[in-house]
């Protein structure tokens, strides 16, 4: 994985531009750099590395900038990566003129994450996509494929 901050742009995509793209085109644009990633990606150091309809993968390298008082990476890091990959997976299924937002999500933290963990990978896959709601599940794993955290989300689908 490359350092996301060295090769990507950050900001937001104008609604008028967003309306011209399907959800898959939008998420692919974020992944390939044609569109700017959100500024949270820069803050947390993650990048979108794989996208296909109903699936999105995000990678990051946990740093000592993300530690809690116990010396492990704060659980909000895992939550952000899972919320991102699951939400993008749902987004990738949407037609032009539609968007989505997280209504709720749940995660379970299975193993501690430290800077020594190395690159982590969050993979989100859509379970169901209806007219108004989509659901997805996500898995956060380490470089050896060990499960660090997993989650589920419910997203609201709406017109832009």
N, C-alpha and C. Protein backbone atom coordinates (compact mmCIF):
# COMPACT_ATOMS: atom_id res chain seq x y z
N UNK A 1 0.83 -1.18 0.00
CA UNK A 1 0.00 0.00 0.00
C UNK A 1 0.87 1.24 0.00
N UNK A 2 0.52 2.21 -0.81
CA UNK A 2 1.24 3.47 -0.82
C UNK A 2 0.69 4.38 0.25
N UNK A 3 1.46 5.39 0.60
CA UNK A 3 0.99 6.39 1.53
C UNK A 3 -0.09 7.20 0.83
N UNK A 4 -1.32 7.11 1.32
CA UNK A 4 -2.45 7.76 0.66
C UNK A 4 -2.24 9.26 0.51
N UNK A 5 -1.60 9.90 1.49
CA UNK A 5 -1.46 11.35 1.44
C UNK A 5 -0.52 11.81 0.33
N UNK A 6 0.35 10.93 -0.19
CA UNK A 6 1.30 11.36 -1.21
C UNK A 6 0.75 11.26 -2.62
N UNK A 7 -0.32 10.52 -2.84
CA UNK A 7 -0.80 10.31 -4.20
C UNK A 7 -2.25 10.72 -4.42
N UNK A 8 -2.95 11.14 -3.42
CA UNK A 8 -4.38 11.42 -3.54
C UNK A 8 -4.69 12.88 -3.27
N UNK A 9 -5.85 13.30 -3.81
CA UNK A 9 -6.41 14.62 -3.52
C UNK A 9 -7.49 14.44 -2.46
N UNK A 10 -7.74 15.50 -1.70
CA UNK A 10 -8.75 15.45 -0.64
C UNK A 10 -9.68 16.64 -0.78
N UNK A 11 -10.94 16.42 -0.44
CA UNK A 11 -11.94 17.47 -0.51
C UNK A 11 -13.31 16.85 -0.59
N UNK A 12 -14.20 17.46 -1.37
CA UNK A 12 -15.53 16.89 -1.57
C UNK A 12 -15.92 17.02 -3.03
N UNK A 13 -16.87 16.21 -3.42
CA UNK A 13 -17.34 16.21 -4.81
C UNK A 13 -18.64 17.01 -4.86
N UNK A 14 -18.71 17.97 -5.75
CA UNK A 14 -19.88 18.81 -5.93
C UNK A 14 -21.11 17.94 -6.25
N UNK A 15 -22.25 18.28 -5.68
CA UNK A 15 -23.48 17.51 -5.89
C UNK A 15 -23.85 17.42 -7.37
N UNK A 16 -23.70 18.50 -8.11
CA UNK A 16 -24.04 18.48 -9.54
C UNK A 16 -23.17 17.48 -10.29
N UNK A 17 -21.89 17.41 -9.95
CA UNK A 17 -21.00 16.42 -10.59
C UNK A 17 -21.39 15.02 -10.15
N UNK A 18 -21.70 14.86 -8.90
CA UNK A 18 -22.07 13.55 -8.34
C UNK A 18 -23.32 13.00 -9.04
N UNK A 19 -24.26 13.86 -9.37
CA UNK A 19 -25.51 13.43 -10.00
C UNK A 19 -25.30 12.83 -11.39
N UNK A 20 -24.17 13.11 -12.01
CA UNK A 20 -23.90 12.59 -13.36
C UNK A 20 -23.33 11.18 -13.34
N UNK A 21 -23.05 10.65 -12.15
CA UNK A 21 -22.38 9.35 -12.03
C UNK A 21 -23.24 8.33 -11.31
N UNK A 22 -23.09 7.08 -11.70
CA UNK A 22 -23.67 6.00 -10.90
C UNK A 22 -22.84 5.89 -9.62
N UNK A 23 -23.35 5.16 -8.66
CA UNK A 23 -22.60 4.94 -7.43
C UNK A 23 -21.28 4.25 -7.68
N UNK A 24 -21.28 3.28 -8.59
CA UNK A 24 -20.05 2.57 -8.90
C UNK A 24 -19.03 3.50 -9.55
N UNK A 25 -19.47 4.35 -10.48
CA UNK A 25 -18.56 5.32 -11.10
C UNK A 25 -17.97 6.27 -10.06
N UNK A 26 -18.81 6.69 -9.12
CA UNK A 26 -18.37 7.58 -8.06
C UNK A 26 -17.29 6.92 -7.20
N UNK A 27 -17.56 5.72 -6.71
CA UNK A 27 -16.60 5.04 -5.83
C UNK A 27 -15.32 4.69 -6.60
N UNK A 28 -15.44 4.29 -7.85
CA UNK A 28 -14.25 4.02 -8.66
C UNK A 28 -13.42 5.29 -8.85
N UNK A 29 -14.09 6.43 -9.02
CA UNK A 29 -13.39 7.70 -9.15
C UNK A 29 -12.62 8.06 -7.89
N UNK A 30 -13.19 7.74 -6.73
CA UNK A 30 -12.47 7.96 -5.47
C UNK A 30 -11.24 7.06 -5.40
N UNK A 31 -11.41 5.80 -5.81
CA UNK A 31 -10.32 4.83 -5.72
C UNK A 31 -9.18 5.14 -6.68
N UNK A 32 -9.52 5.59 -7.90
CA UNK A 32 -8.44 5.81 -8.88
C UNK A 32 -7.89 7.23 -8.88
N UNK A 33 -8.40 8.09 -8.01
CA UNK A 33 -7.88 9.44 -7.89
C UNK A 33 -8.51 10.46 -8.81
N UNK A 34 -9.46 10.05 -9.63
CA UNK A 34 -10.15 11.01 -10.50
C UNK A 34 -11.00 11.97 -9.67
N UNK A 35 -11.45 11.52 -8.50
CA UNK A 35 -12.23 12.34 -7.58
C UNK A 35 -11.47 12.43 -6.26
N UNK A 36 -11.66 13.52 -5.52
CA UNK A 36 -10.95 13.64 -4.24
C UNK A 36 -11.56 12.74 -3.17
N UNK A 37 -10.70 12.15 -2.36
CA UNK A 37 -11.16 11.42 -1.18
C UNK A 37 -11.60 12.44 -0.13
N UNK A 38 -12.44 11.99 0.82
CA UNK A 38 -12.82 12.90 1.90
C UNK A 38 -11.62 13.18 2.79
N UNK A 39 -11.67 14.27 3.52
CA UNK A 39 -10.53 14.66 4.34
C UNK A 39 -10.30 13.70 5.50
N UNK A 40 -11.32 12.93 5.89
CA UNK A 40 -11.12 11.92 6.93
C UNK A 40 -10.11 10.87 6.47
N UNK A 41 -10.06 10.58 5.17
CA UNK A 41 -9.09 9.62 4.65
C UNK A 41 -7.67 10.11 4.91
N UNK A 42 -7.45 11.40 4.75
CA UNK A 42 -6.12 11.96 5.04
C UNK A 42 -5.84 11.89 6.54
N UNK A 43 -6.81 12.26 7.35
CA UNK A 43 -6.64 12.25 8.80
C UNK A 43 -6.30 10.86 9.32
N UNK A 44 -7.03 9.85 8.83
CA UNK A 44 -6.86 8.48 9.32
C UNK A 44 -5.84 7.69 8.50
N UNK A 45 -5.41 8.21 7.37
CA UNK A 45 -4.39 7.56 6.56
C UNK A 45 -4.88 6.35 5.80
N UNK A 46 -6.15 6.37 5.37
CA UNK A 46 -6.64 5.22 4.60
C UNK A 46 -6.78 5.54 3.12
N UNK A 47 -6.87 4.48 2.33
CA UNK A 47 -7.04 4.61 0.89
C UNK A 47 -8.01 3.53 0.42
N UNK A 48 -8.76 3.84 -0.62
CA UNK A 48 -9.67 2.87 -1.24
C UNK A 48 -8.84 2.13 -2.28
N UNK A 49 -8.70 0.82 -2.13
CA UNK A 49 -7.78 0.07 -2.99
C UNK A 49 -8.46 -0.88 -3.97
N UNK A 50 -9.70 -1.26 -3.71
CA UNK A 50 -10.44 -2.13 -4.63
C UNK A 50 -11.91 -1.75 -4.59
N UNK A 51 -12.53 -1.78 -5.78
CA UNK A 51 -13.96 -1.48 -5.88
C UNK A 51 -14.56 -2.34 -6.98
N UNK A 52 -15.71 -2.89 -6.71
CA UNK A 52 -16.56 -3.50 -7.72
C UNK A 52 -17.99 -3.36 -7.20
N UNK A 53 -18.95 -3.62 -8.04
CA UNK A 53 -20.34 -3.46 -7.62
C UNK A 53 -20.60 -4.32 -6.37
N UNK A 54 -21.03 -3.67 -5.30
CA UNK A 54 -21.37 -4.37 -4.06
C UNK A 54 -20.20 -4.72 -3.17
N UNK A 55 -19.00 -4.21 -3.48
CA UNK A 55 -17.81 -4.54 -2.69
C UNK A 55 -16.82 -3.39 -2.74
N UNK A 56 -16.24 -3.06 -1.59
CA UNK A 56 -15.20 -2.03 -1.51
C UNK A 56 -14.18 -2.44 -0.46
N UNK A 57 -12.90 -2.14 -0.76
CA UNK A 57 -11.81 -2.48 0.14
C UNK A 57 -11.01 -1.21 0.44
N UNK A 58 -10.74 -1.02 1.73
CA UNK A 58 -9.98 0.12 2.22
C UNK A 58 -8.78 -0.43 2.99
N UNK A 59 -7.62 0.21 2.82
CA UNK A 59 -6.43 -0.20 3.56
C UNK A 59 -5.85 1.00 4.29
N UNK A 60 -5.17 0.70 5.40
CA UNK A 60 -4.51 1.74 6.19
C UNK A 60 -3.38 1.13 7.00
N UNK A 61 -2.46 1.98 7.40
CA UNK A 61 -1.39 1.59 8.30
C UNK A 61 -1.60 2.31 9.62
N UNK A 62 -1.98 1.59 10.68
CA UNK A 62 -2.19 2.25 11.97
C UNK A 62 -0.89 2.86 12.49
N UNK A 63 -0.97 4.08 12.98
CA UNK A 63 0.22 4.77 13.46
C UNK A 63 0.10 5.10 14.94
N UNK A 64 1.21 5.55 15.51
CA UNK A 64 1.18 5.92 16.92
C UNK A 64 0.39 7.21 17.16
N UNK A 65 -0.03 7.88 16.09
CA UNK A 65 -0.89 9.06 16.20
C UNK A 65 -2.32 8.68 16.60
N UNK A 66 -2.64 7.38 16.55
CA UNK A 66 -4.02 6.91 16.77
C UNK A 66 -4.17 6.13 18.09
N UNK A 67 -3.18 6.21 18.97
CA UNK A 67 -3.21 5.41 20.19
C UNK A 67 -4.16 5.96 21.24
N UNK A 68 -4.75 5.04 21.99
CA UNK A 68 -5.53 5.41 23.17
C UNK A 68 -4.60 5.38 24.39
N UNK A 69 -5.09 5.73 25.58
CA UNK A 69 -4.21 5.75 26.75
C UNK A 69 -3.60 4.38 27.12
N UNK A 70 -4.20 3.29 26.66
CA UNK A 70 -3.66 1.96 26.94
C UNK A 70 -2.54 1.56 25.98
N UNK A 71 -2.28 2.37 24.95
CA UNK A 71 -1.20 2.08 24.03
C UNK A 71 -1.60 1.26 22.82
N UNK A 72 -2.89 1.03 22.64
CA UNK A 72 -3.36 0.37 21.42
C UNK A 72 -4.10 1.41 20.57
N UNK A 73 -4.30 1.07 19.31
CA UNK A 73 -4.99 2.00 18.41
C UNK A 73 -6.45 2.13 18.86
N UNK A 74 -6.92 3.34 18.91
CA UNK A 74 -8.30 3.64 19.34
C UNK A 74 -9.29 2.87 18.48
N UNK A 75 -10.36 2.38 19.09
CA UNK A 75 -11.39 1.63 18.38
C UNK A 75 -12.08 2.43 17.29
N UNK A 76 -12.03 3.75 17.38
CA UNK A 76 -12.62 4.59 16.35
C UNK A 76 -11.93 4.42 14.99
N UNK A 77 -10.67 4.01 15.00
CA UNK A 77 -9.95 3.74 13.76
C UNK A 77 -10.61 2.56 13.04
N UNK A 78 -10.80 1.45 13.75
CA UNK A 78 -11.46 0.28 13.17
C UNK A 78 -12.88 0.63 12.74
N UNK A 79 -13.59 1.40 13.58
CA UNK A 79 -14.97 1.79 13.25
C UNK A 79 -15.01 2.62 11.97
N UNK A 80 -14.08 3.55 11.81
CA UNK A 80 -14.05 4.39 10.62
C UNK A 80 -13.77 3.56 9.37
N UNK A 81 -12.80 2.65 9.45
CA UNK A 81 -12.49 1.82 8.28
C UNK A 81 -13.66 0.94 7.90
N UNK A 82 -14.33 0.34 8.90
CA UNK A 82 -15.48 -0.52 8.60
C UNK A 82 -16.66 0.30 8.07
N UNK A 83 -16.95 1.43 8.70
CA UNK A 83 -18.04 2.27 8.22
C UNK A 83 -17.78 2.71 6.78
N UNK A 84 -16.53 3.01 6.47
CA UNK A 84 -16.15 3.45 5.13
C UNK A 84 -16.33 2.34 4.11
N UNK A 85 -15.75 1.17 4.36
CA UNK A 85 -15.83 0.11 3.34
C UNK A 85 -17.26 -0.39 3.16
N UNK A 86 -18.03 -0.47 4.24
CA UNK A 86 -19.41 -0.94 4.12
C UNK A 86 -20.27 0.10 3.40
N UNK A 87 -20.10 1.37 3.76
CA UNK A 87 -20.86 2.43 3.10
C UNK A 87 -20.53 2.56 1.62
N UNK A 88 -19.25 2.43 1.28
CA UNK A 88 -18.86 2.50 -0.12
C UNK A 88 -19.39 1.30 -0.91
N UNK A 89 -19.44 0.14 -0.26
CA UNK A 89 -20.00 -1.04 -0.93
C UNK A 89 -21.46 -0.78 -1.30
N UNK A 90 -22.24 -0.23 -0.37
CA UNK A 90 -23.64 0.10 -0.67
C UNK A 90 -23.69 1.17 -1.76
N UNK A 91 -22.87 2.21 -1.63
CA UNK A 91 -22.85 3.29 -2.62
C UNK A 91 -22.60 2.75 -4.02
N UNK A 92 -21.75 1.73 -4.12
CA UNK A 92 -21.38 1.19 -5.44
C UNK A 92 -22.53 0.50 -6.16
N UNK A 93 -23.64 0.30 -5.49
CA UNK A 93 -24.80 -0.36 -6.11
C UNK A 93 -25.85 0.64 -6.60
N UNK A 94 -25.63 1.93 -6.37
CA UNK A 94 -26.67 2.93 -6.64
C UNK A 94 -26.65 3.44 -8.07
N UNK A 95 -27.84 3.78 -8.54
CA UNK A 95 -28.01 4.34 -9.87
C UNK A 95 -27.71 5.84 -9.82
N UNK A 96 -27.56 6.46 -11.00
CA UNK A 96 -27.34 7.90 -11.08
C UNK A 96 -28.45 8.63 -10.32
N UNK A 97 -28.06 9.71 -9.65
CA UNK A 97 -29.02 10.54 -8.94
C UNK A 97 -29.34 10.07 -7.54
N UNK A 98 -28.75 8.94 -7.11
CA UNK A 98 -28.98 8.43 -5.76
C UNK A 98 -27.71 8.50 -4.94
N UNK A 99 -27.89 8.60 -3.64
CA UNK A 99 -26.77 8.52 -2.71
C UNK A 99 -27.22 7.73 -1.49
N UNK A 100 -26.33 7.57 -0.53
CA UNK A 100 -26.70 6.86 0.69
C UNK A 100 -25.93 7.43 1.86
N UNK A 101 -26.44 7.13 3.05
CA UNK A 101 -25.77 7.53 4.28
C UNK A 101 -26.01 6.46 5.33
N UNK A 102 -25.10 6.35 6.25
CA UNK A 102 -25.21 5.35 7.31
C UNK A 102 -26.34 5.72 8.26
N UNK A 103 -27.28 4.79 8.45
CA UNK A 103 -28.32 4.95 9.47
C UNK A 103 -27.82 4.44 10.81
N UNK A 104 -27.17 3.28 10.76
CA UNK A 104 -26.61 2.70 11.98
C UNK A 104 -25.59 1.65 11.60
N UNK A 105 -24.64 1.43 12.49
CA UNK A 105 -23.71 0.33 12.28
C UNK A 105 -23.29 -0.24 13.62
N UNK A 106 -22.86 -1.47 13.57
CA UNK A 106 -22.40 -2.17 14.77
C UNK A 106 -21.08 -2.83 14.43
N UNK A 107 -20.13 -2.72 15.35
CA UNK A 107 -18.87 -3.43 15.15
C UNK A 107 -18.52 -4.21 16.41
N UNK A 108 -17.75 -5.25 16.19
CA UNK A 108 -17.17 -6.02 17.29
C UNK A 108 -15.66 -6.01 17.09
N UNK A 109 -14.94 -5.58 18.12
CA UNK A 109 -13.49 -5.52 18.09
C UNK A 109 -12.96 -6.84 18.64
N UNK A 110 -12.22 -7.58 17.82
CA UNK A 110 -11.80 -8.93 18.17
C UNK A 110 -10.37 -9.01 18.70
N UNK A 111 -9.47 -8.19 18.17
CA UNK A 111 -8.06 -8.21 18.55
C UNK A 111 -7.57 -6.76 18.64
N UNK A 112 -6.59 -6.52 19.50
CA UNK A 112 -6.03 -5.16 19.55
C UNK A 112 -5.24 -4.85 18.28
N UNK A 113 -5.25 -3.58 17.92
CA UNK A 113 -4.47 -3.08 16.79
C UNK A 113 -3.40 -2.16 17.36
N UNK A 114 -2.18 -2.31 16.89
CA UNK A 114 -1.07 -1.45 17.28
C UNK A 114 -0.36 -1.00 16.01
N UNK A 115 0.53 -0.04 16.12
CA UNK A 115 1.32 0.33 14.94
C UNK A 115 2.11 -0.85 14.37
N UNK A 116 2.47 -1.80 15.22
CA UNK A 116 3.21 -2.98 14.77
C UNK A 116 2.33 -3.96 13.98
N UNK A 117 1.02 -3.79 14.04
CA UNK A 117 0.11 -4.65 13.28
C UNK A 117 0.40 -4.55 11.79
N UNK A 118 0.81 -3.39 11.34
CA UNK A 118 1.07 -3.18 9.92
C UNK A 118 -0.21 -2.89 9.17
N UNK A 119 -0.15 -2.99 7.87
CA UNK A 119 -1.30 -2.66 7.03
C UNK A 119 -2.51 -3.51 7.40
N UNK A 120 -3.63 -2.82 7.57
CA UNK A 120 -4.90 -3.52 7.82
C UNK A 120 -5.80 -3.30 6.61
N UNK A 121 -6.70 -4.25 6.41
CA UNK A 121 -7.57 -4.26 5.23
C UNK A 121 -9.02 -4.41 5.68
N UNK A 122 -9.86 -3.48 5.27
CA UNK A 122 -11.29 -3.52 5.59
C UNK A 122 -12.05 -3.79 4.30
N UNK A 123 -12.79 -4.88 4.27
CA UNK A 123 -13.55 -5.27 3.08
C UNK A 123 -15.04 -5.26 3.41
N UNK A 124 -15.79 -4.46 2.65
CA UNK A 124 -17.23 -4.39 2.82
C UNK A 124 -17.95 -5.03 1.65
N UNK A 125 -18.99 -5.79 1.97
CA UNK A 125 -19.79 -6.43 0.92
C UNK A 125 -21.28 -6.21 1.23
N UNK A 126 -22.01 -5.90 0.18
CA UNK A 126 -23.44 -5.66 0.31
C UNK A 126 -24.17 -6.98 0.54
N UNK A 127 -25.08 -6.97 1.47
CA UNK A 127 -25.93 -8.13 1.75
C UNK A 127 -27.29 -7.98 1.10
N UNK A 128 -27.82 -6.76 1.09
CA UNK A 128 -29.13 -6.50 0.50
C UNK A 128 -29.20 -5.03 0.10
N UNK A 129 -29.76 -4.77 -1.05
CA UNK A 129 -29.97 -3.39 -1.49
C UNK A 129 -31.39 -3.27 -2.00
N UNK A 130 -32.19 -2.51 -1.28
CA UNK A 130 -33.55 -2.23 -1.69
C UNK A 130 -33.67 -0.81 -2.22
N UNK A 131 -34.91 -0.36 -2.41
CA UNK A 131 -35.13 1.00 -2.92
C UNK A 131 -34.71 2.07 -1.92
N UNK A 132 -34.95 1.84 -0.63
CA UNK A 132 -34.69 2.85 0.40
C UNK A 132 -33.61 2.48 1.40
N UNK A 133 -33.24 1.20 1.45
CA UNK A 133 -32.28 0.74 2.45
C UNK A 133 -31.33 -0.27 1.84
N UNK A 134 -30.08 -0.21 2.26
CA UNK A 134 -29.10 -1.21 1.89
C UNK A 134 -28.37 -1.68 3.14
N UNK A 135 -27.98 -2.94 3.16
CA UNK A 135 -27.21 -3.46 4.29
C UNK A 135 -25.92 -4.05 3.76
N UNK A 136 -24.90 -4.01 4.60
CA UNK A 136 -23.60 -4.56 4.23
C UNK A 136 -22.92 -5.10 5.48
N UNK A 137 -21.94 -5.95 5.24
CA UNK A 137 -21.10 -6.41 6.34
C UNK A 137 -19.66 -6.12 6.00
N UNK A 138 -18.83 -6.01 7.03
CA UNK A 138 -17.43 -5.70 6.82
C UNK A 138 -16.54 -6.53 7.72
N UNK A 139 -15.32 -6.76 7.22
CA UNK A 139 -14.29 -7.50 7.96
C UNK A 139 -13.00 -6.70 7.90
N UNK A 140 -12.39 -6.49 9.06
CA UNK A 140 -11.10 -5.84 9.15
C UNK A 140 -10.07 -6.89 9.53
N UNK A 141 -9.06 -7.07 8.68
CA UNK A 141 -8.06 -8.11 8.90
C UNK A 141 -6.65 -7.53 8.87
N UNK A 142 -5.72 -8.28 9.46
CA UNK A 142 -4.32 -7.88 9.40
C UNK A 142 -3.65 -8.49 8.18
N UNK A 143 -2.36 -8.26 8.03
CA UNK A 143 -1.65 -8.74 6.83
C UNK A 143 -1.61 -10.25 6.71
N UNK A 144 -1.85 -10.96 7.83
CA UNK A 144 -1.90 -12.43 7.81
C UNK A 144 -3.32 -12.97 7.68
N UNK A 145 -4.28 -12.07 7.48
CA UNK A 145 -5.67 -12.49 7.31
C UNK A 145 -6.42 -12.73 8.60
N UNK A 146 -5.82 -12.41 9.74
CA UNK A 146 -6.50 -12.60 11.03
C UNK A 146 -7.56 -11.52 11.22
N UNK A 147 -8.71 -11.93 11.72
CA UNK A 147 -9.82 -11.01 11.94
C UNK A 147 -9.54 -10.10 13.13
N UNK A 148 -9.55 -8.80 12.90
CA UNK A 148 -9.35 -7.81 13.94
C UNK A 148 -10.68 -7.25 14.44
N UNK A 149 -11.61 -7.06 13.51
CA UNK A 149 -12.94 -6.52 13.85
C UNK A 149 -13.89 -6.87 12.71
N UNK A 150 -15.17 -6.90 13.02
CA UNK A 150 -16.17 -7.10 11.97
C UNK A 150 -17.39 -6.27 12.31
N UNK A 151 -18.24 -6.03 11.30
CA UNK A 151 -19.39 -5.18 11.54
C UNK A 151 -20.48 -5.35 10.51
N UNK A 152 -21.58 -4.70 10.79
CA UNK A 152 -22.71 -4.62 9.87
C UNK A 152 -23.20 -3.17 9.84
N UNK A 153 -23.84 -2.83 8.73
CA UNK A 153 -24.39 -1.48 8.61
C UNK A 153 -25.75 -1.53 7.92
N UNK A 154 -26.54 -0.52 8.20
CA UNK A 154 -27.77 -0.23 7.47
C UNK A 154 -27.64 1.17 6.92
N UNK A 155 -27.81 1.33 5.62
CA UNK A 155 -27.69 2.64 4.98
C UNK A 155 -29.03 3.05 4.37
N UNK A 156 -29.33 4.33 4.49
CA UNK A 156 -30.50 4.92 3.87
C UNK A 156 -30.14 5.35 2.46
N UNK A 157 -30.94 4.96 1.48
CA UNK A 157 -30.76 5.36 0.08
C UNK A 157 -31.71 6.54 -0.18
N UNK A 158 -31.20 7.59 -0.81
CA UNK A 158 -32.02 8.78 -1.05
C UNK A 158 -31.61 9.45 -2.36
N UNK A 159 -32.51 10.32 -2.87
CA UNK A 159 -32.22 11.09 -4.08
C UNK A 159 -31.32 12.25 -3.72
N UNK A 160 -30.35 12.54 -4.60
CA UNK A 160 -29.47 13.69 -4.38
C UNK A 160 -30.24 14.99 -4.54
